[in-house]
Amino acid sequence: MSSDPQQKIGILIPEFPGQTHIFFWRELRALREMGVDVEVISTRRPERSWICHEWSKEAMQTTTYLRESSILDIAVSLRQLLTVGPRGWIKSLRLAILSDAPTLKDRLRAIAAIPVGARLATIARRRGLVHIHAHSCGASALIALQSNLLGGPSYSLTLHGPLSDYGPDQRQKWGGAAFGIIITQKLLAEMRTLLADALPDRIEIAPMGVEVDRFVRTTPYQPWAGEGELRLVSCGRLNACKGHDDAIRAVAQLRGKNITAHLDILGEGAERAKLETLITDLDLADRVTLSGAIAEEQVCERLEHAHIFVLASHHEPLGVAIMEAMAMQTPVVVTGAGGVKELIDDQVDGMLVSPHDPQALASAIEQVARDPGLAASLSASARAKIERDFHSRRSAETLLGLLNVIPRTVPAEECTPNECAA
């Protein structure tokens, strides 16, 4: 594909660029470096508080948002609906009507995806996109499917977490996909159990990754000296599933072990008020900081300044934030929930504890803090693991390999100057 500059693909990402979308940007950059002509498409703009990266402005300027349609866009999309004819309408409506969505609201959302799918099909036709890759199995996957039914190009999906997180109609979404990418073996096993007869023939494993040349320390890692402040950092959305409340309780536990720890939590989200209340209740106002969503460069600085990275997720599909800490050679103490065990070998390149257990988390932090040799060993081994197995080009290389073996059936169409500029 990279040898034909006329072949372009669309990458569909919901609410791009959000605070956790750095790995999408890394993949886009890697694809372009490999010669792939990529257009970024998104459902809608993210909330303002989620826009935190230095590349966010550039990303938004070069992203097409499906739900920001002009009168001309709507008219051209209606033409796409007319062009596809009754057979396409029937397929599209049938998909919405036979949705396995549990509520009327969800069914209405399935119907609402039809005009958005027509909009995506129109964009693909006008810009010569031969394929759409959706980085979500939720609404974006449904839009890609509807686009395909309404005359748009083939599509594929990446699964980034448990299928239950992505809503209804998974059989239809995956059954229509040209191929799929799944980030862990654990998720692939779950998919084969749940959707064995609906999966595309080609499924590959490709974890998200880190640009290791951007996550490099400027000074060697120094373990905690055994006195003074133990600096901890965590990174993740302020969402209940991230277990930040358990990490905060672990800081209180460390106080009882005569360790003066300070936890800096990087991220924003709906749980901020609850976490602020917990911090106050535990009298940890000077021990825990909620720093909000910050840019990649600042994340690197905080990781380099920290003695230990902590993440107490209840379920973590894999964990880009953990990878970033490992790349920065900051020893990690995290829960082994979800696919994290595919990233970390316990007590080799990180420390694993059970989720929902602040006491175990505090004990593991204490173990690393009080053993400089262990901390230094985890630091070195972690960087080597990321360089070998979790670099950012891996997912891009996998996607490109799969794209090169699917047929191209949607040519670019002539359009008016106004249409082409839209």
Protein backbone atom coordinates (compact mmCIF):
# COMPACT_ATOMS: atom_id res chain seq x y z
CA MET A 1 0.00 0.00 0.00
CA SER A 2 2.77 2.41 0.88
CA SER A 3 4.04 2.16 -2.71
CA ASP A 4 0.83 3.66 -4.12
CA PRO A 5 0.43 7.29 -2.99
CA GLN A 6 -3.08 7.41 -4.51
CA GLN A 7 -4.42 4.94 -1.97
CA LYS A 8 -5.58 6.58 1.22
CA ILE A 9 -7.18 5.24 4.37
CA GLY A 10 -9.30 6.87 7.04
CA ILE A 11 -8.65 6.35 10.74
CA LEU A 12 -11.86 6.80 12.74
CA ILE A 13 -11.32 7.76 16.40
CA PRO A 14 -14.15 8.83 18.73
CA GLU A 15 -13.88 12.33 20.25
CA PHE A 16 -10.31 12.88 19.08
CA PRO A 17 -7.96 14.15 20.50
CA GLY A 18 -8.75 13.22 24.11
CA GLN A 19 -6.43 13.06 27.09
CA THR A 20 -5.73 9.33 26.61
CA HIS A 21 -5.28 9.46 22.83
CA ILE A 22 -1.52 9.82 22.71
CA PHE A 23 -1.08 6.26 21.41
CA PHE A 24 -3.42 7.03 18.47
CA TRP A 25 -1.24 10.01 17.58
CA ARG A 26 1.87 7.84 17.82
CA GLU A 27 0.34 5.27 15.48
CA LEU A 28 -0.70 7.95 12.99
CA ARG A 29 2.82 9.37 13.02
CA ALA A 30 4.31 5.91 12.47
CA LEU A 31 1.93 5.14 9.59
CA ARG A 32 2.85 8.39 7.85
CA GLU A 33 6.56 7.69 8.36
CA MET A 34 5.96 4.36 6.58
CA GLY A 35 4.41 6.18 3.62
CA VAL A 36 0.72 5.62 4.34
CA ASP A 37 -1.61 8.45 3.30
CA VAL A 38 -3.91 8.80 6.33
CA GLU A 39 -6.92 11.01 6.99
CA VAL A 40 -8.22 11.32 10.54
CA ILE A 41 -11.97 11.27 11.10
CA SER A 42 -13.75 11.59 14.43
CA THR A 43 -17.29 11.57 15.72
CA ARG A 44 -17.15 14.89 17.57
CA ARG A 45 -14.69 17.18 19.33
CA PRO A 46 -13.59 16.19 22.84
CA GLU A 47 -14.53 18.10 25.96
CA ARG A 48 -12.28 21.13 26.46
CA SER A 49 -10.76 19.74 29.68
CA TRP A 50 -9.56 16.66 27.76
CA ILE A 51 -7.50 18.71 25.28
CA CYS A 52 -4.06 18.78 26.88
CA HIS A 53 -1.35 17.71 24.43
CA GLU A 54 0.97 20.03 22.54
CA TRP A 55 -0.18 18.37 19.30
CA SER A 56 -3.92 18.72 20.05
CA LYS A 57 -4.39 21.91 18.02
CA GLU A 58 -2.67 20.40 14.98
CA ALA A 59 -4.75 17.25 15.36
CA MET A 60 -8.04 19.14 15.52
CA GLN A 61 -7.14 21.27 12.49
CA THR A 62 -6.54 18.13 10.41
CA THR A 63 -9.45 16.03 11.71
CA THR A 64 -12.86 15.81 10.04
CA TYR A 65 -15.72 15.69 12.56
CA LEU A 66 -18.73 13.73 11.36
CA ARG A 67 -21.23 15.54 13.55
CA GLU A 68 -20.19 19.01 12.37
CA SER A 69 -21.98 18.99 9.02
CA SER A 70 -22.79 22.02 6.89
CA ILE A 71 -25.87 22.31 4.66
CA LEU A 72 -23.68 21.28 1.71
CA ASP A 73 -22.40 18.24 3.62
CA ILE A 74 -25.95 17.14 4.45
CA ALA A 75 -27.07 17.59 0.84
CA VAL A 76 -24.16 15.55 -0.49
CA SER A 77 -24.78 12.84 2.12
CA LEU A 78 -28.44 12.68 1.06
CA ARG A 79 -27.20 12.17 -2.48
CA GLN A 80 -25.14 9.24 -1.19
CA LEU A 81 -28.31 7.73 0.31
CA LEU A 82 -30.14 8.16 -3.00
CA THR A 83 -27.25 6.71 -4.97
CA VAL A 84 -27.04 3.50 -2.97
CA GLY A 85 -30.68 2.70 -3.72
CA PRO A 86 -33.39 0.65 -1.96
CA ARG A 87 -31.19 -2.41 -1.44
CA GLY A 88 -28.73 -0.39 0.62
CA TRP A 89 -31.54 1.33 2.53
CA ILE A 90 -33.07 -2.02 3.43
CA LYS A 91 -29.75 -3.40 4.69
CA SER A 92 -29.09 -0.28 6.72
CA LEU A 93 -32.55 -0.10 8.25
CA ARG A 94 -32.59 -3.83 8.90
CA LEU A 95 -29.36 -3.51 10.89
CA ALA A 96 -30.90 -0.76 13.04
CA ILE A 97 -34.25 -2.50 13.49
CA LEU A 98 -32.71 -5.87 14.39
CA SER A 99 -30.25 -4.28 16.81
CA ASP A 100 -29.71 -6.24 20.01
CA ALA A 101 -29.63 -2.97 21.94
CA PRO A 102 -31.35 -3.49 25.31
CA THR A 103 -33.17 -0.14 25.49
CA LEU A 104 -35.23 2.05 23.19
CA LYS A 105 -32.64 4.80 23.59
CA ASP A 106 -29.91 2.47 22.32
CA ARG A 107 -32.08 1.43 19.37
CA LEU A 108 -32.67 5.06 18.47
CA ARG A 109 -28.90 5.56 18.56
CA ALA A 110 -28.54 2.69 16.09
CA ILE A 111 -31.01 4.42 13.75
CA ALA A 112 -29.24 7.77 14.25
CA ALA A 113 -26.01 6.13 13.03
CA ILE A 114 -27.50 5.77 9.53
CA PRO A 115 -27.12 9.42 8.38
CA VAL A 116 -23.70 9.62 10.06
CA GLY A 117 -22.69 6.49 8.17
CA ALA A 118 -23.88 8.12 4.96
CA ARG A 119 -21.73 11.14 5.81
CA LEU A 120 -18.68 8.88 6.30
CA ALA A 121 -19.38 7.08 3.00
CA THR A 122 -19.58 10.47 1.28
CA ILE A 123 -16.25 11.60 2.77
CA ALA A 124 -14.64 8.35 1.64
CA ARG A 125 -15.99 8.74 -1.90
CA ARG A 126 -14.96 12.36 -2.27
CA ARG A 127 -11.48 11.91 -0.81
CA GLY A 128 -10.66 8.53 -2.31
CA LEU A 129 -10.43 6.62 0.99
CA VAL A 130 -10.16 2.93 0.20
CA HIS A 131 -10.59 1.70 3.76
CA ILE A 132 -11.71 2.88 7.21
CA HIS A 133 -10.04 1.62 10.37
CA ALA A 134 -12.11 2.30 13.50
CA HIS A 135 -10.21 2.55 16.78
CA SER A 136 -13.31 1.64 18.76
CA CYS A 137 -15.92 -1.09 18.85
CA GLY A 138 -18.63 1.28 20.08
CA ALA A 139 -20.55 3.89 18.09
CA SER A 140 -17.63 4.45 15.70
CA ALA A 141 -17.72 0.79 14.66
CA LEU A 142 -21.46 1.03 14.01
CA ILE A 143 -20.92 4.16 11.89
CA ALA A 144 -18.19 2.38 9.88
CA LEU A 145 -20.53 -0.57 9.35
CA GLN A 146 -23.42 1.67 8.25
CA SER A 147 -21.05 3.50 5.91
CA ASN A 148 -20.08 0.20 4.31
CA LEU A 149 -23.73 -0.80 3.84
CA LEU A 150 -24.43 2.58 2.25
CA GLY A 151 -21.77 2.28 -0.43
CA GLY A 152 -18.69 3.19 1.61
CA PRO A 153 -15.38 1.32 1.71
CA SER A 154 -14.37 -1.73 3.70
CA TYR A 155 -13.62 -1.24 7.38
CA SER A 156 -11.73 -2.86 10.23
CA LEU A 157 -11.66 -2.57 14.02
CA THR A 158 -9.26 -2.46 16.93
CA LEU A 159 -10.47 -3.77 20.28
CA HIS A 160 -8.85 -1.83 23.14
CA GLY A 161 -10.73 -3.31 26.11
CA PRO A 162 -13.42 -5.77 27.24
CA LEU A 163 -16.17 -6.16 24.65
CA SER A 164 -18.76 -5.35 27.32
CA ASP A 165 -17.45 -1.76 27.37
CA TYR A 166 -18.50 -1.11 23.78
CA GLY A 167 -22.24 -1.63 23.71
CA PRO A 168 -24.56 -3.74 21.55
CA ASP A 169 -24.46 -5.15 18.00
CA GLN A 170 -20.98 -6.63 18.27
CA ARG A 171 -21.84 -9.59 16.02
CA GLN A 172 -22.87 -7.23 13.24
CA LYS A 173 -19.88 -4.92 13.75
CA TRP A 174 -17.31 -7.70 13.70
CA GLY A 175 -19.15 -9.80 11.11
CA GLY A 176 -18.84 -7.00 8.56
CA ALA A 177 -15.19 -6.14 9.29
CA ALA A 178 -12.43 -6.97 6.81
CA PHE A 179 -10.06 -7.74 9.69
CA GLY A 180 -9.53 -7.05 13.36
CA ILE A 181 -6.70 -6.06 15.68
CA ILE A 182 -6.83 -6.91 19.39
CA ILE A 183 -4.36 -5.53 21.91
CA THR A 184 -3.86 -8.59 24.15
CA GLN A 185 -4.04 -12.38 24.08
CA LYS A 186 -6.50 -12.26 26.98
CA LEU A 187 -8.94 -10.13 25.00
CA LEU A 188 -8.54 -12.35 21.95
CA ALA A 189 -9.44 -15.43 24.02
CA GLU A 190 -12.54 -13.63 25.32
CA MET A 191 -13.52 -12.66 21.77
CA ARG A 192 -13.16 -16.20 20.50
CA THR A 193 -15.48 -17.35 23.27
CA LEU A 194 -18.10 -14.65 22.75
CA LEU A 195 -18.05 -14.17 18.97
CA ALA A 196 -16.41 -17.29 17.56
CA ASP A 197 -18.65 -17.51 14.48
CA ALA A 198 -18.79 -13.75 13.80
CA LEU A 199 -15.11 -12.82 13.72
CA PRO A 200 -13.34 -11.93 10.47
CA ASP A 201 -10.86 -14.44 9.10
CA ARG A 202 -7.88 -12.23 9.87
CA ILE A 203 -7.32 -11.25 13.51
CA GLU A 204 -3.92 -10.17 14.83
CA ILE A 205 -2.52 -9.14 18.20
CA ALA A 206 -0.89 -5.72 18.37
CA PRO A 207 -0.57 -3.79 21.64
CA MET A 208 -0.48 -0.04 21.71
CA GLY A 209 3.02 1.26 22.24
CA VAL A 210 5.38 4.03 23.26
CA GLU A 211 7.77 6.14 21.20
CA VAL A 212 10.80 5.06 23.15
CA ASP A 213 12.99 7.82 21.72
CA ARG A 214 10.63 10.44 23.24
CA PHE A 215 10.49 8.78 26.67
CA VAL A 216 14.14 9.06 27.68
CA ARG A 217 15.54 10.19 31.01
CA THR A 218 17.89 13.16 31.15
CA THR A 219 19.44 11.88 34.40
CA PRO A 220 19.93 8.33 35.73
CA TYR A 221 17.20 6.88 37.94
CA GLN A 222 17.87 7.32 41.66
CA PRO A 223 16.01 5.10 44.18
CA TRP A 224 14.54 6.63 47.32
CA ALA A 225 17.28 7.31 49.87
CA GLY A 226 15.21 6.03 52.78
CA GLU A 227 14.45 9.46 54.16
CA GLY A 228 12.63 12.55 53.02
CA GLU A 229 9.66 12.48 50.67
CA LEU A 230 8.88 9.34 48.67
CA ARG A 231 7.62 10.68 45.36
CA LEU A 232 4.86 8.65 43.72
CA VAL A 233 3.13 9.43 40.44
CA SER A 234 0.02 7.93 38.84
CA CYS A 235 -1.48 8.63 35.43
CA GLY A 236 -5.01 7.86 34.28
CA ARG A 237 -8.47 9.33 33.82
CA LEU A 238 -10.28 10.21 37.04
CA ASN A 239 -12.62 7.30 36.52
CA ALA A 240 -13.70 4.76 39.13
CA CYS A 241 -12.13 1.92 37.13
CA LYS A 242 -8.66 3.45 37.57
CA GLY A 243 -8.71 2.80 41.33
CA HIS A 244 -7.26 6.17 42.28
CA ASP A 245 -9.17 5.94 45.57
CA ASP A 246 -7.18 2.80 46.44
CA ALA A 247 -3.91 4.56 45.60
CA ILE A 248 -4.90 7.45 47.88
CA ARG A 249 -5.71 5.01 50.69
CA ALA A 250 -2.31 3.38 50.13
CA VAL A 251 -0.68 6.76 50.79
CA ALA A 252 -2.52 6.86 54.13
CA GLN A 253 -1.23 3.33 54.84
CA LEU A 254 2.33 4.42 54.11
CA ARG A 255 1.98 7.22 56.63
CA GLY A 256 1.41 4.50 59.23
CA LYS A 257 4.66 2.84 58.11
CA ASN A 258 6.63 6.05 58.80
CA ILE A 259 7.02 6.77 55.09
CA THR A 260 6.21 10.32 54.03
CA ALA A 261 4.85 9.75 50.54
CA HIS A 262 3.44 12.26 48.09
CA LEU A 263 1.19 11.02 45.26
CA ASP A 264 0.75 13.12 42.11
CA ILE A 265 -2.23 11.94 40.03
CA LEU A 266 -2.16 13.03 36.37
CA GLY A 267 -5.53 12.97 34.64
CA GLU A 268 -9.00 14.46 34.60
CA GLY A 269 -12.50 13.05 34.82
CA ALA A 270 -15.85 12.68 36.52
CA GLU A 271 -14.46 11.32 39.81
CA ARG A 272 -12.56 14.48 40.76
CA ALA A 273 -15.08 15.65 43.40
CA LYS A 274 -15.20 12.20 45.05
CA LEU A 275 -11.41 11.98 45.16
CA GLU A 276 -11.12 15.48 46.59
CA THR A 277 -13.55 14.49 49.35
CA LEU A 278 -11.56 11.34 50.10
CA ILE A 279 -8.30 13.30 50.26
CA THR A 280 -9.89 15.68 52.76
CA ASP A 281 -11.42 12.87 54.83
CA LEU A 282 -8.03 11.13 55.11
CA ASP A 283 -6.24 14.40 55.92
CA LEU A 284 -3.98 14.02 52.88
CA ALA A 285 -4.31 17.48 51.35
CA ASP A 286 -0.53 17.94 51.53
CA ARG A 287 0.18 14.34 50.48
CA VAL A 288 -1.95 13.92 47.29
CA THR A 289 -2.18 16.27 44.29
CA LEU A 290 -4.74 16.03 41.48
CA SER A 291 -2.80 17.68 38.66
CA GLY A 292 -5.39 17.26 35.90
CA ALA A 293 -4.71 16.30 32.29
CA ILE A 294 -1.22 17.37 31.19
CA ALA A 295 0.87 17.17 28.02
CA GLU A 296 3.30 14.36 27.20
CA GLU A 297 6.38 16.44 27.97
CA GLN A 298 5.07 17.18 31.47
CA VAL A 299 4.25 13.50 31.98
CA CYS A 300 7.89 12.68 31.17
CA GLU A 301 9.10 15.29 33.66
CA ARG A 302 6.85 13.97 36.45
CA LEU A 303 7.92 10.39 35.78
CA GLU A 304 11.61 11.33 35.83
CA HIS A 305 11.11 13.14 39.13
CA ALA A 306 9.26 10.20 40.74
CA HIS A 307 10.68 7.31 42.73
CA ILE A 308 7.80 4.95 41.88
CA PHE A 309 4.87 4.86 39.45
CA VAL A 310 1.59 3.59 40.92
CA LEU A 311 -1.64 2.54 39.21
CA ALA A 312 -4.41 0.74 41.10
CA SER A 313 -6.78 -0.01 38.19
CA HIS A 314 -9.66 -2.39 38.81
CA HIS A 315 -9.31 -3.51 35.18
CA GLU A 316 -6.65 -2.36 32.74
CA PRO A 317 -6.78 -3.74 29.16
CA LEU A 318 -3.00 -3.26 28.91
CA GLY A 319 -1.91 0.18 30.09
CA VAL A 320 -0.13 2.80 27.97
CA ALA A 321 0.54 4.90 31.08
CA ILE A 322 2.32 1.92 32.62
CA MET A 323 4.41 1.51 29.44
CA GLU A 324 5.39 5.17 29.57
CA ALA A 325 6.59 4.82 33.15
CA MET A 326 8.54 1.69 32.25
CA ALA A 327 10.13 3.47 29.28
CA MET A 328 11.17 6.27 31.66
CA GLN A 329 12.76 3.63 33.92
CA THR A 330 10.48 4.54 36.82
CA PRO A 331 9.74 1.35 38.81
CA VAL A 332 6.06 0.46 38.55
CA VAL A 333 3.76 -0.91 41.26
CA VAL A 334 0.41 -1.70 39.64
CA THR A 335 -2.52 -4.07 39.84
CA GLY A 336 -2.37 -7.17 37.69
CA ALA A 337 -5.90 -6.70 36.43
CA GLY A 338 -6.95 -7.32 32.82
CA GLY A 339 -4.07 -7.67 30.38
CA VAL A 340 -1.34 -6.11 32.55
CA LYS A 341 0.24 -9.52 33.15
CA GLU A 342 1.07 -9.58 29.43
CA LEU A 343 3.07 -6.39 29.98
CA ILE A 344 4.75 -7.03 33.34
CA ASP A 345 6.60 -10.01 34.78
CA ASP A 346 6.09 -9.67 38.52
CA GLN A 347 9.23 -8.67 40.43
CA VAL A 348 11.25 -8.70 37.18
CA ASP A 349 10.21 -5.50 35.41
CA GLY A 350 7.47 -4.35 37.77
CA MET A 351 5.47 -5.25 40.86
CA LEU A 352 1.95 -6.67 40.61
CA VAL A 353 -0.71 -6.65 43.33
CA SER A 354 -4.38 -7.56 43.40
CA PRO A 355 -6.94 -4.83 42.64
CA HIS A 356 -9.14 -3.37 45.40
CA ASP A 357 -6.40 -3.90 48.01
CA PRO A 358 -4.82 -0.63 49.24
CA GLN A 359 -2.91 -2.46 51.96
CA ALA A 360 -1.21 -4.79 49.45
CA LEU A 361 -0.47 -1.79 47.24
CA ALA A 362 1.15 0.05 50.15
CA SER A 363 3.21 -3.00 51.08
CA ALA A 364 4.54 -3.38 47.52
CA ILE A 365 5.40 0.33 47.37
CA GLU A 366 7.24 -0.01 50.69
CA GLN A 367 9.13 -3.07 49.41
CA VAL A 368 10.44 -1.20 46.37
CA ALA A 369 11.11 1.99 48.34
CA ARG A 370 13.17 0.27 51.04
CA ASP A 371 15.18 -1.92 48.64
CA PRO A 372 17.29 0.30 46.32
CA GLY A 373 18.71 -2.77 44.56
CA LEU A 374 15.23 -4.00 43.66
CA ALA A 375 14.20 -0.52 42.50
CA ALA A 376 17.26 -0.22 40.25
CA SER A 377 16.73 -3.71 38.80
CA LEU A 378 13.05 -3.01 38.00
CA SER A 379 14.06 0.30 36.41
CA ALA A 380 16.55 -1.25 33.99
CA SER A 381 14.48 -4.31 33.09
CA ALA A 382 11.37 -2.24 32.40
CA ARG A 383 13.06 -0.06 29.79
CA ALA A 384 14.44 -3.13 28.00
CA LYS A 385 10.98 -4.74 27.88
CA ILE A 386 9.38 -1.67 26.28
CA GLU A 387 12.16 -1.25 23.71
CA ARG A 388 11.79 -4.89 22.69
CA ASP A 389 8.05 -5.57 22.73
CA PHE A 390 6.01 -2.39 23.16
CA HIS A 391 7.38 0.24 20.79
CA SER A 392 4.87 2.47 19.02
CA ARG A 393 5.54 1.18 15.49
CA ARG A 394 4.30 -2.30 16.30
CA SER A 395 0.58 -1.55 15.91
CA ALA A 396 1.22 0.57 12.81
CA GLU A 397 3.25 -2.24 11.21
CA THR A 398 0.47 -4.72 11.98
CA LEU A 399 -2.21 -2.45 10.53
CA LEU A 400 -0.19 -1.82 7.39
CA GLY A 401 0.44 -5.54 6.91
CA LEU A 402 -3.28 -6.27 7.11
CA LEU A 403 -4.19 -3.39 4.82
CA ASN A 404 -1.86 -4.72 2.14
CA VAL A 405 -3.83 -7.96 1.77
CA ILE A 406 -7.40 -6.67 1.54
CA PRO A 407 -8.96 -5.80 -1.85
CA ARG A 408 -9.51 -2.18 -2.89
CA THR A 409 -13.01 -1.72 -4.28
CA VAL A 410 -13.88 1.94 -3.71
CA PRO A 411 -12.33 4.36 -6.24
CA ALA A 412 -12.18 8.11 -5.77
CA GLU A 413 -15.05 9.92 -7.53
CA GLU A 414 -14.99 13.24 -9.28
CA CYS A 415 -16.35 16.07 -7.16
CA THR A 416 -16.92 19.76 -7.51
CA PRO A 417 -14.25 22.14 -6.16
CA ASN A 418 -16.56 23.05 -3.26
CA GLU A 419 -17.16 19.41 -2.39
CA CYS A 420 -13.49 18.49 -2.56
CA ALA A 421 -12.56 21.40 -0.32
CA ALA A 422 -15.17 20.52 2.31
